[in-house]
């Protein structure tokens, strides 16, 4: 399940409802889809798309998306860092960035027009839509492993448009995972980098 951190406010949101409620004013939607027993660890892209076809088809209808594919990123991909460097700087897209995480974890940082930067750590079962025009950046967690279904209105619209703002350099791609923080703990109490 996703974690949402607002470092400037020393806040951590864990529950799906509170995460959904926090993201809604920014036009970002978040859902949880069941993953247990849906597709095997070595499933092909076609098998994954077939396993989630009902949800993907409903999402296509709801959002006007016309195509879906599966991206599989692991630590042993040649040129991985060069690929990641395209997305770990603040940018926008002319199209929504829609991801359903099948395996692994990653972190989206969002820089809203008003309010502090916040980070959404996603894992298997999380669906997130970062709307077109939203300033954001993405990093993998330390294990550098993620597999996700991506949806598009048109692939050409998904090219990053860099803002030129160096804000991303001030935020570490620090993933906590679902069991890293004990319930009720604050981010600052468990990690000195977030202390005031």
N, C-alpha and C. Protein backbone atom coordinates (compact mmCIF):
# COMPACT_ATOMS: atom_id res chain seq x y z
N UNK A 1 0.84 -1.17 0.00
CA UNK A 1 0.00 0.00 0.00
C UNK A 1 0.89 1.24 0.00
N UNK A 2 0.45 2.27 -0.69
CA UNK A 2 1.24 3.49 -0.82
C UNK A 2 1.47 4.17 0.52
N UNK A 3 2.55 4.93 0.56
CA UNK A 3 2.83 5.85 1.66
C UNK A 3 2.94 7.24 1.04
N UNK A 4 2.42 8.24 1.72
CA UNK A 4 2.52 9.60 1.22
C UNK A 4 3.20 10.44 2.29
N UNK A 5 4.34 11.05 1.92
CA UNK A 5 5.10 11.87 2.86
C UNK A 5 5.07 13.33 2.42
N UNK A 6 4.92 14.21 3.39
CA UNK A 6 5.00 15.65 3.17
C UNK A 6 6.13 16.12 4.08
N UNK A 7 7.39 16.07 3.60
CA UNK A 7 8.53 16.36 4.47
C UNK A 7 8.47 17.73 5.15
N UNK A 8 8.02 18.77 4.45
CA UNK A 8 7.99 20.11 5.04
C UNK A 8 7.04 20.21 6.22
N UNK A 9 6.10 19.28 6.30
CA UNK A 9 5.12 19.28 7.40
C UNK A 9 5.35 18.11 8.36
N UNK A 10 6.40 17.32 8.10
CA UNK A 10 6.68 16.14 8.92
C UNK A 10 5.44 15.26 9.05
N UNK A 11 4.78 15.02 7.91
CA UNK A 11 3.56 14.21 7.90
C UNK A 11 3.76 12.96 7.06
N UNK A 12 3.16 11.88 7.51
CA UNK A 12 3.15 10.62 6.80
C UNK A 12 1.72 10.11 6.78
N UNK A 13 1.21 9.85 5.58
CA UNK A 13 -0.13 9.29 5.42
C UNK A 13 0.01 7.86 4.95
N UNK A 14 -0.74 6.95 5.57
CA UNK A 14 -0.65 5.53 5.24
C UNK A 14 -1.92 4.93 4.68
N UNK A 15 -3.06 5.38 5.16
CA UNK A 15 -4.32 4.75 4.79
C UNK A 15 -4.77 5.14 3.39
N UNK A 16 -5.33 4.19 2.64
CA UNK A 16 -5.78 4.50 1.27
C UNK A 16 -6.76 5.67 1.22
N UNK A 17 -7.68 5.74 2.17
CA UNK A 17 -8.66 6.84 2.15
C UNK A 17 -8.00 8.18 2.38
N UNK A 18 -7.10 8.27 3.38
CA UNK A 18 -6.47 9.57 3.64
C UNK A 18 -5.53 9.96 2.51
N UNK A 19 -4.89 8.99 1.86
CA UNK A 19 -4.04 9.28 0.70
C UNK A 19 -4.91 9.79 -0.45
N UNK A 20 -6.02 9.09 -0.72
CA UNK A 20 -6.94 9.52 -1.78
C UNK A 20 -7.45 10.93 -1.52
N UNK A 21 -7.85 11.20 -0.27
CA UNK A 21 -8.37 12.52 0.07
C UNK A 21 -7.32 13.61 -0.08
N UNK A 22 -6.07 13.32 0.27
CA UNK A 22 -5.01 14.31 0.14
C UNK A 22 -4.71 14.60 -1.34
N UNK A 23 -4.71 13.56 -2.17
CA UNK A 23 -4.35 13.72 -3.59
C UNK A 23 -5.44 14.34 -4.44
N UNK A 24 -6.70 14.14 -4.06
CA UNK A 24 -7.83 14.58 -4.89
C UNK A 24 -7.78 16.06 -5.28
N UNK A 25 -7.48 17.00 -4.37
CA UNK A 25 -7.45 18.41 -4.78
C UNK A 25 -6.39 18.73 -5.85
N UNK A 26 -5.42 17.84 -6.01
CA UNK A 26 -4.38 18.03 -7.02
C UNK A 26 -4.74 17.32 -8.33
N UNK A 27 -5.92 16.72 -8.38
CA UNK A 27 -6.36 16.00 -9.58
C UNK A 27 -5.71 14.64 -9.74
N UNK A 28 -5.02 14.18 -8.71
CA UNK A 28 -4.34 12.88 -8.75
C UNK A 28 -5.28 11.84 -8.16
N UNK A 29 -5.49 10.76 -8.89
CA UNK A 29 -6.29 9.71 -8.27
C UNK A 29 -5.42 8.51 -7.92
N UNK A 30 -5.85 7.85 -6.85
CA UNK A 30 -5.13 6.71 -6.31
C UNK A 30 -6.15 5.62 -5.99
N UNK A 31 -5.82 4.40 -6.38
CA UNK A 31 -6.67 3.24 -6.08
C UNK A 31 -5.78 2.07 -5.71
N UNK A 32 -6.40 1.07 -5.10
CA UNK A 32 -5.74 -0.21 -4.84
C UNK A 32 -6.46 -1.28 -5.64
N UNK A 33 -5.69 -2.08 -6.36
CA UNK A 33 -6.24 -3.23 -7.08
C UNK A 33 -5.65 -4.49 -6.46
N UNK A 34 -6.43 -5.55 -6.43
CA UNK A 34 -5.95 -6.83 -5.90
C UNK A 34 -4.86 -7.38 -6.83
N UNK A 35 -3.77 -7.90 -6.24
CA UNK A 35 -2.70 -8.48 -7.05
C UNK A 35 -2.48 -9.96 -6.75
N UNK A 36 -2.87 -10.37 -5.57
CA UNK A 36 -2.61 -11.76 -5.13
C UNK A 36 -3.23 -12.77 -6.10
N UNK A 37 -2.37 -13.62 -6.66
CA UNK A 37 -2.83 -14.69 -7.54
C UNK A 37 -3.26 -14.26 -8.93
N UNK A 38 -3.02 -13.03 -9.30
CA UNK A 38 -3.48 -12.53 -10.61
C UNK A 38 -2.53 -12.90 -11.74
N UNK A 39 -1.22 -12.78 -11.52
CA UNK A 39 -0.24 -13.09 -12.55
C UNK A 39 1.02 -13.60 -11.86
N UNK A 40 1.64 -14.61 -12.43
CA UNK A 40 2.84 -15.18 -11.84
C UNK A 40 4.04 -14.24 -11.93
N UNK A 41 5.05 -14.52 -11.14
CA UNK A 41 6.25 -13.69 -11.09
C UNK A 41 6.93 -13.56 -12.45
N UNK A 42 6.83 -14.61 -13.26
CA UNK A 42 7.48 -14.59 -14.58
C UNK A 42 6.47 -14.42 -15.71
N UNK A 43 5.31 -13.88 -15.42
CA UNK A 43 4.28 -13.70 -16.44
C UNK A 43 4.78 -12.78 -17.54
N UNK A 44 4.33 -13.05 -18.75
CA UNK A 44 4.66 -12.18 -19.87
C UNK A 44 3.83 -10.89 -19.78
N UNK A 45 4.20 -9.92 -20.56
CA UNK A 45 3.42 -8.68 -20.60
C UNK A 45 1.98 -8.97 -21.02
N UNK A 46 1.81 -9.85 -21.99
CA UNK A 46 0.47 -10.20 -22.46
C UNK A 46 -0.35 -10.86 -21.36
N UNK A 47 0.29 -11.74 -20.57
CA UNK A 47 -0.42 -12.40 -19.46
C UNK A 47 -0.82 -11.40 -18.38
N UNK A 48 0.04 -10.43 -18.13
CA UNK A 48 -0.28 -9.39 -17.13
C UNK A 48 -1.44 -8.54 -17.61
N UNK A 49 -1.40 -8.11 -18.85
CA UNK A 49 -2.50 -7.30 -19.39
C UNK A 49 -3.81 -8.09 -19.38
N UNK A 50 -3.73 -9.39 -19.67
CA UNK A 50 -4.94 -10.23 -19.64
C UNK A 50 -5.47 -10.38 -18.21
N UNK A 51 -4.55 -10.54 -17.25
CA UNK A 51 -4.96 -10.72 -15.85
C UNK A 51 -5.70 -9.50 -15.29
N UNK A 52 -5.32 -8.32 -15.78
CA UNK A 52 -5.93 -7.08 -15.29
C UNK A 52 -6.85 -6.44 -16.32
N UNK A 53 -7.25 -7.19 -17.33
CA UNK A 53 -8.07 -6.64 -18.41
C UNK A 53 -9.34 -5.94 -17.93
N UNK A 54 -10.10 -6.50 -16.99
CA UNK A 54 -11.33 -5.80 -16.57
C UNK A 54 -11.05 -4.40 -16.00
N UNK A 55 -10.04 -4.29 -15.15
CA UNK A 55 -9.69 -3.00 -14.55
C UNK A 55 -9.12 -2.04 -15.60
N UNK A 56 -8.24 -2.55 -16.46
CA UNK A 56 -7.62 -1.72 -17.49
C UNK A 56 -8.69 -1.21 -18.46
N UNK A 57 -9.61 -2.09 -18.87
CA UNK A 57 -10.67 -1.67 -19.79
C UNK A 57 -11.55 -0.60 -19.16
N UNK A 58 -11.89 -0.78 -17.89
CA UNK A 58 -12.71 0.23 -17.20
C UNK A 58 -11.97 1.56 -17.11
N UNK A 59 -10.67 1.50 -16.83
CA UNK A 59 -9.86 2.72 -16.73
C UNK A 59 -9.74 3.40 -18.09
N UNK A 60 -9.60 2.62 -19.14
CA UNK A 60 -9.55 3.19 -20.50
C UNK A 60 -10.84 3.97 -20.78
N UNK A 61 -11.96 3.38 -20.46
CA UNK A 61 -13.26 4.05 -20.69
C UNK A 61 -13.37 5.32 -19.85
N UNK A 62 -12.99 5.22 -18.59
CA UNK A 62 -13.11 6.34 -17.66
C UNK A 62 -12.20 7.50 -18.04
N UNK A 63 -10.97 7.20 -18.49
CA UNK A 63 -9.99 8.25 -18.74
C UNK A 63 -9.71 8.55 -20.19
N UNK A 64 -10.35 7.81 -21.12
CA UNK A 64 -10.11 8.06 -22.53
C UNK A 64 -8.77 7.53 -23.02
N UNK A 65 -8.21 6.56 -22.31
CA UNK A 65 -6.93 5.98 -22.72
C UNK A 65 -7.17 4.97 -23.82
N UNK A 66 -6.25 4.90 -24.77
CA UNK A 66 -6.46 4.02 -25.92
C UNK A 66 -5.53 2.82 -25.95
N UNK A 67 -4.45 2.89 -25.20
CA UNK A 67 -3.50 1.77 -25.23
C UNK A 67 -2.89 1.55 -23.85
N UNK A 68 -2.46 0.32 -23.63
CA UNK A 68 -1.79 -0.04 -22.39
C UNK A 68 -0.62 -0.94 -22.72
N UNK A 69 0.45 -0.82 -21.93
CA UNK A 69 1.58 -1.73 -22.08
C UNK A 69 2.14 -2.03 -20.70
N UNK A 70 3.17 -2.84 -20.66
CA UNK A 70 3.83 -3.21 -19.41
C UNK A 70 5.29 -2.82 -19.51
N UNK A 71 5.77 -2.10 -18.51
CA UNK A 71 7.18 -1.76 -18.43
C UNK A 71 7.79 -2.59 -17.31
N UNK A 72 8.97 -3.14 -17.57
CA UNK A 72 9.65 -4.01 -16.61
C UNK A 72 11.07 -3.47 -16.43
N UNK A 73 11.33 -2.89 -15.26
CA UNK A 73 12.63 -2.28 -14.99
C UNK A 73 13.28 -3.02 -13.84
N UNK A 74 14.50 -3.49 -14.08
CA UNK A 74 15.27 -4.18 -13.04
C UNK A 74 16.67 -3.59 -13.00
N UNK A 75 17.38 -3.86 -11.92
CA UNK A 75 18.71 -3.30 -11.71
C UNK A 75 19.71 -3.72 -12.78
N UNK A 76 19.46 -4.84 -13.47
CA UNK A 76 20.44 -5.33 -14.44
C UNK A 76 20.19 -4.85 -15.88
N UNK A 77 19.27 -3.93 -16.07
CA UNK A 77 19.03 -3.39 -17.42
C UNK A 77 20.21 -2.50 -17.82
N UNK A 78 20.83 -2.75 -18.98
CA UNK A 78 21.92 -1.89 -19.42
C UNK A 78 21.42 -0.45 -19.61
N UNK A 79 22.21 0.50 -19.15
CA UNK A 79 21.85 1.90 -19.30
C UNK A 79 20.74 2.37 -18.38
N UNK A 80 20.50 1.62 -17.29
CA UNK A 80 19.39 1.95 -16.39
C UNK A 80 19.51 3.37 -15.84
N UNK A 81 20.69 3.76 -15.38
CA UNK A 81 20.82 5.09 -14.78
C UNK A 81 20.52 6.19 -15.79
N UNK A 82 20.96 6.02 -17.03
CA UNK A 82 20.66 7.02 -18.06
C UNK A 82 19.15 7.12 -18.29
N UNK A 83 18.45 5.97 -18.24
CA UNK A 83 17.01 5.97 -18.40
C UNK A 83 16.36 6.69 -17.21
N UNK A 84 16.81 6.38 -16.00
CA UNK A 84 16.24 7.01 -14.81
C UNK A 84 16.51 8.51 -14.77
N UNK A 85 17.66 8.92 -15.29
CA UNK A 85 18.01 10.34 -15.29
C UNK A 85 17.05 11.18 -16.13
N UNK A 86 16.30 10.55 -17.02
CA UNK A 86 15.30 11.27 -17.80
C UNK A 86 14.09 11.66 -16.94
N UNK A 87 13.88 10.94 -15.84
CA UNK A 87 12.66 11.12 -15.07
C UNK A 87 12.88 11.59 -13.64
N UNK A 88 14.14 11.68 -13.19
CA UNK A 88 14.38 12.09 -11.80
C UNK A 88 14.67 13.59 -11.67
N UNK A 89 14.36 14.34 -12.72
CA UNK A 89 14.40 15.81 -12.69
C UNK A 89 12.97 16.30 -12.84
N UNK A 90 12.66 17.47 -12.26
CA UNK A 90 11.29 17.95 -12.34
C UNK A 90 10.87 18.15 -13.79
N UNK A 91 9.69 17.63 -14.12
CA UNK A 91 9.17 17.72 -15.48
C UNK A 91 7.64 17.64 -15.45
N UNK A 92 7.06 17.87 -16.60
CA UNK A 92 5.63 17.67 -16.80
C UNK A 92 5.47 16.81 -18.04
N UNK A 93 4.23 16.41 -18.32
CA UNK A 93 3.90 15.70 -19.55
C UNK A 93 2.65 16.34 -20.14
N UNK A 94 2.49 16.21 -21.44
CA UNK A 94 1.28 16.68 -22.10
C UNK A 94 0.14 15.68 -21.92
N UNK A 95 0.45 14.54 -21.31
CA UNK A 95 -0.53 13.47 -21.10
C UNK A 95 -0.44 13.00 -19.65
N UNK A 96 -1.53 12.44 -19.14
CA UNK A 96 -1.52 11.87 -17.80
C UNK A 96 -0.45 10.78 -17.71
N UNK A 97 0.12 10.63 -16.53
CA UNK A 97 1.04 9.52 -16.26
C UNK A 97 0.28 8.54 -15.39
N UNK A 98 -0.19 7.46 -16.00
CA UNK A 98 -1.02 6.47 -15.33
C UNK A 98 -0.22 5.20 -15.15
N UNK A 99 -0.09 4.76 -13.91
CA UNK A 99 0.70 3.56 -13.61
C UNK A 99 -0.03 2.68 -12.61
N UNK A 100 -0.09 1.38 -12.94
CA UNK A 100 -0.54 0.38 -11.98
C UNK A 100 0.67 -0.49 -11.68
N UNK A 101 1.06 -0.56 -10.44
CA UNK A 101 2.28 -1.28 -10.07
C UNK A 101 1.96 -2.76 -9.86
N UNK A 102 2.62 -3.59 -10.63
CA UNK A 102 2.44 -5.04 -10.57
C UNK A 102 3.48 -5.66 -9.62
N UNK A 103 4.69 -5.08 -9.63
CA UNK A 103 5.79 -5.61 -8.80
C UNK A 103 6.73 -4.45 -8.49
N UNK A 104 7.36 -4.51 -7.33
CA UNK A 104 8.38 -3.53 -6.99
C UNK A 104 7.82 -2.25 -6.39
N UNK A 105 8.71 -1.24 -6.29
CA UNK A 105 8.34 0.03 -5.67
C UNK A 105 9.05 1.18 -6.36
N UNK A 106 8.43 2.34 -6.28
CA UNK A 106 9.01 3.57 -6.80
C UNK A 106 8.42 4.75 -6.06
N UNK A 107 8.94 5.93 -6.34
CA UNK A 107 8.48 7.11 -5.62
C UNK A 107 8.28 8.28 -6.58
N UNK A 108 7.07 8.82 -6.55
CA UNK A 108 6.72 10.03 -7.29
C UNK A 108 6.81 11.20 -6.33
N UNK A 109 7.57 12.22 -6.68
CA UNK A 109 7.54 13.50 -5.96
C UNK A 109 6.68 14.44 -6.80
N UNK A 110 5.77 15.15 -6.14
CA UNK A 110 4.88 16.08 -6.82
C UNK A 110 5.11 17.47 -6.24
N UNK A 111 5.25 18.45 -7.14
CA UNK A 111 5.49 19.84 -6.76
C UNK A 111 4.27 20.66 -7.17
N UNK A 112 3.28 20.77 -6.26
CA UNK A 112 2.05 21.48 -6.63
C UNK A 112 2.27 22.98 -6.74
N UNK A 113 1.38 23.68 -7.45
CA UNK A 113 1.51 25.13 -7.59
C UNK A 113 1.43 25.86 -6.25
N UNK A 114 0.63 25.32 -5.33
CA UNK A 114 0.52 25.90 -3.99
C UNK A 114 0.65 24.76 -2.98
N UNK A 115 1.49 24.93 -2.01
CA UNK A 115 1.70 23.89 -1.01
C UNK A 115 3.05 23.22 -1.19
N UNK A 116 3.41 22.40 -0.21
CA UNK A 116 4.73 21.77 -0.24
C UNK A 116 4.82 20.57 -1.18
N UNK A 117 6.05 20.27 -1.56
CA UNK A 117 6.31 19.05 -2.32
C UNK A 117 5.92 17.85 -1.46
N UNK A 118 5.32 16.85 -2.09
CA UNK A 118 5.01 15.61 -1.37
C UNK A 118 5.47 14.43 -2.21
N UNK A 119 5.69 13.30 -1.53
CA UNK A 119 6.20 12.10 -2.17
C UNK A 119 5.23 10.95 -1.95
N UNK A 120 4.95 10.23 -3.02
CA UNK A 120 4.06 9.07 -2.95
C UNK A 120 4.88 7.85 -3.31
N UNK A 121 5.09 6.99 -2.33
CA UNK A 121 5.79 5.74 -2.58
C UNK A 121 4.76 4.69 -2.96
N UNK A 122 4.90 4.13 -4.15
CA UNK A 122 3.94 3.16 -4.66
C UNK A 122 4.56 1.77 -4.68
N UNK A 123 3.69 0.77 -4.54
CA UNK A 123 4.13 -0.62 -4.56
C UNK A 123 3.07 -1.46 -5.26
N UNK A 124 3.30 -2.76 -5.35
CA UNK A 124 2.37 -3.66 -6.04
C UNK A 124 0.96 -3.47 -5.51
N UNK A 125 0.02 -3.27 -6.45
CA UNK A 125 -1.38 -3.07 -6.12
C UNK A 125 -1.81 -1.62 -6.16
N UNK A 126 -0.86 -0.69 -6.28
CA UNK A 126 -1.19 0.74 -6.30
C UNK A 126 -1.39 1.22 -7.75
N UNK A 127 -2.47 1.98 -7.94
CA UNK A 127 -2.73 2.67 -9.20
C UNK A 127 -2.67 4.16 -8.92
N UNK A 128 -1.91 4.87 -9.72
CA UNK A 128 -1.81 6.32 -9.57
C UNK A 128 -1.89 6.98 -10.94
N UNK A 129 -2.53 8.14 -10.96
CA UNK A 129 -2.61 8.95 -12.16
C UNK A 129 -2.12 10.34 -11.82
N UNK A 130 -0.98 10.73 -12.39
CA UNK A 130 -0.46 12.09 -12.24
C UNK A 130 -0.93 12.85 -13.48
N UNK A 131 -1.82 13.84 -13.31
CA UNK A 131 -2.43 14.50 -14.47
C UNK A 131 -1.42 15.26 -15.33
N UNK A 132 -1.76 15.39 -16.60
CA UNK A 132 -0.96 16.18 -17.55
C UNK A 132 -0.71 17.55 -16.95
N UNK A 133 0.52 18.05 -17.14
CA UNK A 133 0.87 19.38 -16.68
C UNK A 133 1.32 19.47 -15.23
N UNK A 134 1.26 18.37 -14.50
CA UNK A 134 1.67 18.36 -13.09
C UNK A 134 3.19 18.27 -12.98
N UNK A 135 3.80 19.18 -12.22
CA UNK A 135 5.25 19.13 -12.00
C UNK A 135 5.55 17.96 -11.06
N UNK A 136 6.45 17.10 -11.49
CA UNK A 136 6.78 15.92 -10.70
C UNK A 136 8.10 15.33 -11.18
N UNK A 137 8.57 14.33 -10.45
CA UNK A 137 9.70 13.52 -10.88
C UNK A 137 9.53 12.14 -10.26
N UNK A 138 10.26 11.16 -10.78
CA UNK A 138 10.10 9.77 -10.36
C UNK A 138 11.46 9.13 -10.15
N UNK A 139 11.54 8.30 -9.12
CA UNK A 139 12.74 7.50 -8.84
C UNK A 139 12.32 6.09 -8.46
N UNK A 140 13.21 5.15 -8.70
CA UNK A 140 13.02 3.81 -8.18
C UNK A 140 13.51 3.76 -6.74
N UNK A 141 13.03 2.79 -6.00
CA UNK A 141 13.56 2.56 -4.66
C UNK A 141 14.91 1.85 -4.80
N UNK A 142 15.60 1.63 -3.68
CA UNK A 142 16.98 1.14 -3.69
C UNK A 142 17.15 -0.18 -4.43
N UNK A 143 16.15 -1.05 -4.42
CA UNK A 143 16.30 -2.34 -5.10
C UNK A 143 16.19 -2.22 -6.62
N UNK A 144 15.80 -1.02 -7.10
CA UNK A 144 15.73 -0.72 -8.54
C UNK A 144 14.95 -1.80 -9.30
N UNK A 145 13.74 -2.02 -8.86
CA UNK A 145 12.91 -3.05 -9.45
C UNK A 145 11.46 -2.57 -9.46
N UNK A 146 10.87 -2.52 -10.65
CA UNK A 146 9.46 -2.17 -10.75
C UNK A 146 8.90 -2.74 -12.05
N UNK A 147 7.68 -3.20 -11.98
CA UNK A 147 6.94 -3.64 -13.16
C UNK A 147 5.58 -2.99 -13.07
N UNK A 148 5.17 -2.34 -14.16
CA UNK A 148 3.94 -1.57 -14.11
C UNK A 148 3.20 -1.61 -15.43
N UNK A 149 1.88 -1.53 -15.32
CA UNK A 149 1.04 -1.32 -16.49
C UNK A 149 0.95 0.19 -16.69
N UNK A 150 1.16 0.63 -17.93
CA UNK A 150 1.06 2.05 -18.26
C UNK A 150 -0.10 2.22 -19.23
N UNK A 151 -0.85 3.31 -19.06
CA UNK A 151 -1.94 3.61 -19.98
C UNK A 151 -1.68 4.95 -20.65
N UNK A 152 -2.07 5.06 -21.93
CA UNK A 152 -1.79 6.25 -22.71
C UNK A 152 -2.99 6.65 -23.55
N UNK A 153 -3.11 7.94 -23.77
CA UNK A 153 -4.03 8.45 -24.79
C UNK A 153 -3.29 8.45 -26.12
N UNK A 154 -2.02 8.81 -26.07
CA UNK A 154 -1.10 8.70 -27.22
C UNK A 154 0.31 8.76 -26.66
N UNK A 155 1.16 7.85 -27.07
CA UNK A 155 2.50 7.74 -26.48
C UNK A 155 3.34 8.99 -26.69
N UNK A 156 3.13 9.70 -27.78
CA UNK A 156 3.94 10.90 -28.05
C UNK A 156 3.75 11.96 -26.98
N UNK A 157 2.58 11.99 -26.35
CA UNK A 157 2.30 12.99 -25.33
C UNK A 157 2.98 12.73 -24.01
N UNK A 158 3.64 11.60 -23.88
CA UNK A 158 4.22 11.23 -22.60
C UNK A 158 5.69 11.66 -22.48
N UNK A 159 6.22 12.35 -23.45
CA UNK A 159 7.59 12.83 -23.41
C UNK A 159 7.75 13.84 -22.28
N UNK A 160 8.83 13.74 -21.48
CA UNK A 160 9.01 14.72 -20.40
C UNK A 160 9.35 16.10 -20.93
N UNK A 161 8.75 17.11 -20.31
CA UNK A 161 9.07 18.51 -20.60
C UNK A 161 9.67 19.05 -19.31
N UNK A 162 10.98 19.28 -19.32
CA UNK A 162 11.69 19.68 -18.11
C UNK A 162 11.39 21.13 -17.75
N UNK A 163 11.22 21.38 -16.44
CA UNK A 163 10.91 22.74 -15.98
C UNK A 163 12.16 23.58 -15.83
N UNK A 164 13.32 22.95 -15.68
CA UNK A 164 14.55 23.68 -15.44
C UNK A 164 14.76 24.03 -13.98
N UNK A 165 13.81 23.69 -13.15
CA UNK A 165 13.90 23.93 -11.70
C UNK A 165 14.72 22.80 -11.09
N UNK A 166 15.71 23.12 -10.31
CA UNK A 166 16.56 22.11 -9.69
C UNK A 166 16.02 21.56 -8.39
N UNK A 167 14.74 21.75 -8.13
CA UNK A 167 14.15 21.36 -6.85
C UNK A 167 14.34 19.88 -6.53
N UNK A 168 14.33 19.02 -7.52
CA UNK A 168 14.44 17.58 -7.27
C UNK A 168 15.75 17.23 -6.56
N UNK A 169 16.79 18.01 -6.78
CA UNK A 169 18.08 17.73 -6.14
C UNK A 169 18.01 17.85 -4.62
N UNK A 170 17.03 18.57 -4.11
CA UNK A 170 16.88 18.74 -2.66
C UNK A 170 16.08 17.66 -1.98
N UNK A 171 15.63 16.66 -2.76
CA UNK A 171 14.82 15.57 -2.20
C UNK A 171 15.46 14.23 -2.56
N UNK A 172 15.73 13.44 -1.54
CA UNK A 172 16.31 12.13 -1.76
C UNK A 172 15.23 11.13 -2.14
N UNK A 173 15.54 10.20 -3.04
CA UNK A 173 14.56 9.17 -3.37
C UNK A 173 14.55 8.10 -2.28
N UNK A 174 14.12 8.50 -1.11
CA UNK A 174 14.16 7.63 0.07
C UNK A 174 12.85 6.88 0.21
N UNK A 175 12.89 5.59 -0.02
CA UNK A 175 11.71 4.76 0.11
C UNK A 175 11.74 4.06 1.46
N UNK A 176 10.61 4.07 2.11
CA UNK A 176 10.50 3.43 3.43
C UNK A 176 9.92 2.03 3.35
N UNK A 177 9.07 1.77 2.41
CA UNK A 177 8.39 0.48 2.36
C UNK A 177 7.32 0.41 3.42
N UNK A 178 6.44 -0.57 3.33
CA UNK A 178 5.28 -0.62 4.21
C UNK A 178 5.60 -0.90 5.67
N UNK A 179 6.72 -1.51 5.95
CA UNK A 179 7.02 -1.88 7.34
C UNK A 179 8.13 -1.06 7.97
N UNK A 180 8.60 -0.03 7.28
CA UNK A 180 9.74 0.74 7.77
C UNK A 180 9.38 1.58 8.98
N UNK A 181 8.23 2.24 8.96
CA UNK A 181 7.83 3.11 10.06
C UNK A 181 6.80 2.42 10.95
N UNK A 182 7.01 2.46 12.25
CA UNK A 182 5.98 1.92 13.12
C UNK A 182 4.76 2.83 13.11
N UNK A 183 3.55 2.27 13.30
CA UNK A 183 2.36 3.11 13.31
C UNK A 183 2.50 4.25 14.31
N UNK A 184 2.12 5.45 13.89
CA UNK A 184 2.17 6.61 14.76
C UNK A 184 3.50 7.33 14.76
N UNK A 185 4.54 6.74 14.15
CA UNK A 185 5.86 7.39 14.14
C UNK A 185 5.87 8.52 13.13
N UNK A 186 6.65 9.54 13.40
CA UNK A 186 6.81 10.63 12.44
C UNK A 186 8.03 10.37 11.58
N UNK A 187 8.05 10.98 10.40
CA UNK A 187 9.20 10.82 9.51
C UNK A 187 10.45 11.37 10.19
N UNK A 188 10.38 12.53 10.82
CA UNK A 188 11.55 13.14 11.44
C UNK A 188 12.09 12.28 12.58
N UNK A 189 11.22 11.61 13.28
CA UNK A 189 11.66 10.80 14.42
C UNK A 189 12.45 9.57 13.95
N UNK A 190 12.23 9.13 12.71
CA UNK A 190 12.89 7.93 12.24
C UNK A 190 14.00 8.20 11.24
N UNK A 191 14.11 9.44 10.75
CA UNK A 191 15.13 9.75 9.79
C UNK A 191 15.61 11.19 10.00
N UNK A 192 16.85 11.38 10.44
CA UNK A 192 17.34 12.72 10.77
C UNK A 192 17.28 13.72 9.63
N UNK A 193 17.33 13.28 8.38
CA UNK A 193 17.29 14.20 7.25
C UNK A 193 16.00 14.98 7.19
N UNK A 194 14.94 14.45 7.81
CA UNK A 194 13.65 15.14 7.81
C UNK A 194 13.42 15.95 9.07
N UNK A 195 14.36 15.92 9.99
CA UNK A 195 14.21 16.71 11.23
C UNK A 195 14.37 18.19 10.91
N UNK A 196 13.65 19.03 11.64
CA UNK A 196 13.69 20.48 11.39
C UNK A 196 15.00 21.09 11.78
